[in-house]
Amino acid sequence: MTVREFLAETLERSGHDVIAAENGEIGLRLAREQPFDLVLTDLRMPELDGMGLVRALRKEQPDLEVIILTAFGADGSAVEAMKLGA
């Protein structure tokens, strides 16, 4: 089971509606197609990384809540993400 699958299952069991995307491009497309209350994303993903996803979402949906998860936060990405509102 991937972390994405684990998080989706855990949130669903807690009563939340969850739509999981396997990469940033798919996530961005889904966010454009329907409203979300929250986006939970990884920093490192194929196609479009988490920072690119946050930048695109901020332009299109500035009030959308975004949380970035990563195991690779020591490169200054956390500060950049926070400046973007994540």
C-alpha atoms as a PDB file:
ATOM      1  CA  MET A   1       0.000   0.000   0.000  1.00  0.00           C
ATOM      2  CA  THR A   2       1.347   3.430  -0.939  1.00  0.00           C
ATOM      3  CA  VAL A   3       1.265   6.429   1.383  1.00  0.00           C
ATOM      4  CA  ARG A   4      -1.335   7.976  -0.950  1.00  0.00           C
ATOM      5  CA  GLU A   5      -3.562   4.917  -0.625  1.00  0.00           C
ATOM      6  CA  PHE A   6      -3.073   4.800   3.144  1.00  0.00           C
ATOM      7  CA  LEU A   7      -3.987   8.472   3.579  1.00  0.00           C
ATOM      8  CA  ALA A   8      -6.999   8.159   1.285  1.00  0.00           C
ATOM      9  CA  GLU A   9      -8.289   5.114   3.140  1.00  0.00           C
ATOM     10  CA  THR A  10      -7.704   6.703   6.542  1.00  0.00           C
ATOM     11  CA  LEU A  11      -9.508   9.908   5.574  1.00  0.00           C
ATOM     12  CA  GLU A  12     -12.388   7.972   4.014  1.00  0.00           C
ATOM     13  CA  ARG A  13     -12.789   5.915   7.192  1.00  0.00           C
ATOM     14  CA  SER A  14     -13.021   9.203   9.076  1.00  0.00           C
ATOM     15  CA  GLY A  15     -15.971  10.206   6.911  1.00  0.00           C
ATOM     16  CA  HIS A  16     -14.267  12.415   4.330  1.00  0.00           C
ATOM     17  CA  ASP A  17     -14.817  12.263   0.580  1.00  0.00           C
ATOM     18  CA  VAL A  18     -11.434  11.605  -1.024  1.00  0.00           C
ATOM     19  CA  ILE A  19     -10.222  11.744  -4.590  1.00  0.00           C
ATOM     20  CA  ALA A  20      -6.634  10.544  -5.018  1.00  0.00           C
ATOM     21  CA  ALA A  21      -4.398  11.463  -7.944  1.00  0.00           C
ATOM     22  CA  GLU A  22      -1.228   9.642  -8.887  1.00  0.00           C
ATOM     23  CA  ASN A  23       0.666  12.778  -9.955  1.00  0.00           C
ATOM     24  CA  GLY A  24       0.496  16.559  -9.943  1.00  0.00           C
ATOM     25  CA  GLU A  25      -0.884  16.938 -13.475  1.00  0.00           C
ATOM     26  CA  ILE A  26      -3.838  14.690 -12.667  1.00  0.00           C
ATOM     27  CA  GLY A  27      -4.347  16.475  -9.359  1.00  0.00           C
ATOM     28  CA  LEU A  28      -4.427  19.861 -11.075  1.00  0.00           C
ATOM     29  CA  ARG A  29      -6.883  18.604 -13.697  1.00  0.00           C
ATOM     30  CA  LEU A  30      -9.158  17.209 -10.984  1.00  0.00           C
ATOM     31  CA  ALA A  31      -9.014  20.476  -9.017  1.00  0.00           C
ATOM     32  CA  ARG A  32     -10.034  22.349 -12.153  1.00  0.00           C
ATOM     33  CA  GLU A  33     -12.994  20.014 -12.735  1.00  0.00           C
ATOM     34  CA  GLN A  34     -14.550  20.149  -9.269  1.00  0.00           C
ATOM     35  CA  PRO A  35     -14.282  22.127  -6.060  1.00  0.00           C
ATOM     36  CA  PHE A  36     -12.173  20.793  -3.210  1.00  0.00           C
ATOM     37  CA  ASP A  37     -12.016  21.918   0.402  1.00  0.00           C
ATOM     38  CA  LEU A  38      -8.424  20.781   0.800  1.00  0.00           C
ATOM     39  CA  VAL A  39      -5.521  19.519  -1.294  1.00  0.00           C
ATOM     40  CA  LEU A  40      -3.002  17.264   0.389  1.00  0.00           C
ATOM     41  CA  THR A  41       0.048  16.799  -1.841  1.00  0.00           C
ATOM     42  CA  ASP A  42       3.530  15.411  -1.835  1.00  0.00           C
ATOM     43  CA  LEU A  43       6.433  17.678  -2.689  1.00  0.00           C
ATOM     44  CA  ARG A  44       8.080  15.248  -5.083  1.00  0.00           C
ATOM     45  CA  MET A  45       5.811  13.784  -7.756  1.00  0.00           C
ATOM     46  CA  PRO A  46       6.114  12.917 -11.425  1.00  0.00           C
ATOM     47  CA  GLU A  47       4.724  15.201 -14.136  1.00  0.00           C
ATOM     48  CA  LEU A  48       4.161  18.227 -11.880  1.00  0.00           C
ATOM     49  CA  ASP A  49       5.779  18.488  -8.458  1.00  0.00           C
ATOM     50  CA  GLY A  50       4.047  19.766  -5.344  1.00  0.00           C
ATOM     51  CA  MET A  51       5.448  23.299  -5.617  1.00  0.00           C
ATOM     52  CA  GLY A  52       4.268  23.564  -9.213  1.00  0.00           C
ATOM     53  CA  LEU A  53       0.866  22.301  -8.147  1.00  0.00           C
ATOM     54  CA  VAL A  54       0.648  24.869  -5.347  1.00  0.00           C
ATOM     55  CA  ARG A  55       1.659  27.685  -7.709  1.00  0.00           C
ATOM     56  CA  ALA A  56      -0.994  26.675 -10.264  1.00  0.00           C
ATOM     57  CA  LEU A  57      -3.678  26.273  -7.618  1.00  0.00           C
ATOM     58  CA  ARG A  58      -2.863  29.656  -6.044  1.00  0.00           C
ATOM     59  CA  LYS A  59      -3.392  31.373  -9.408  1.00  0.00           C
ATOM     60  CA  GLU A  60      -6.718  29.659 -10.041  1.00  0.00           C
ATOM     61  CA  GLN A  61      -8.110  29.095  -6.539  1.00  0.00           C
ATOM     62  CA  PRO A  62      -6.308  31.409  -4.115  1.00  0.00           C
ATOM     63  CA  ASP A  63      -8.480  30.429  -1.126  1.00  0.00           C
ATOM     64  CA  LEU A  64      -8.022  26.662  -1.497  1.00  0.00           C
ATOM     65  CA  GLU A  65      -6.317  25.108   1.524  1.00  0.00           C
ATOM     66  CA  VAL A  66      -3.166  23.161   0.619  1.00  0.00           C
ATOM     67  CA  ILE A  67      -0.998  20.927   2.789  1.00  0.00           C
ATOM     68  CA  ILE A  68       2.328  19.647   1.458  1.00  0.00           C
ATOM     69  CA  LEU A  69       3.797  16.443   2.851  1.00  0.00           C
ATOM     70  CA  THR A  70       7.350  15.413   2.134  1.00  0.00           C
ATOM     71  CA  ALA A  71      10.217  13.361   3.411  1.00  0.00           C
ATOM     72  CA  PHE A  72      12.606  15.807   1.709  1.00  0.00           C
ATOM     73  CA  GLY A  73      12.116  19.116   3.520  1.00  0.00           C
ATOM     74  CA  ALA A  74      15.715  20.077   4.215  1.00  0.00           C
ATOM     75  CA  ASP A  75      16.256  21.952   0.937  1.00  0.00           C
ATOM     76  CA  GLY A  76      14.310  25.122   1.747  1.00  0.00           C
ATOM     77  CA  SER A  77      11.110  23.874   0.149  1.00  0.00           C
ATOM     78  CA  ALA A  78       9.136  24.232   3.364  1.00  0.00           C
ATOM     79  CA  VAL A  79       9.821  27.976   3.514  1.00  0.00           C
ATOM     80  CA  GLU A  80       8.959  28.392  -0.165  1.00  0.00           C
ATOM     81  CA  ALA A  81       5.729  26.398   0.295  1.00  0.00           C
ATOM     82  CA  MET A  82       4.722  28.541   3.255  1.00  0.00           C
ATOM     83  CA  LYS A  83       5.326  31.714   1.232  1.00  0.00           C
ATOM     84  CA  LEU A  84       2.941  30.311  -1.371  1.00  0.00           C
ATOM     85  CA  GLY A  85       0.337  29.744   1.319  1.00  0.00           C
ATOM     86  CA  ALA A  86       0.681  25.996   1.832  1.00  0.00           C
END
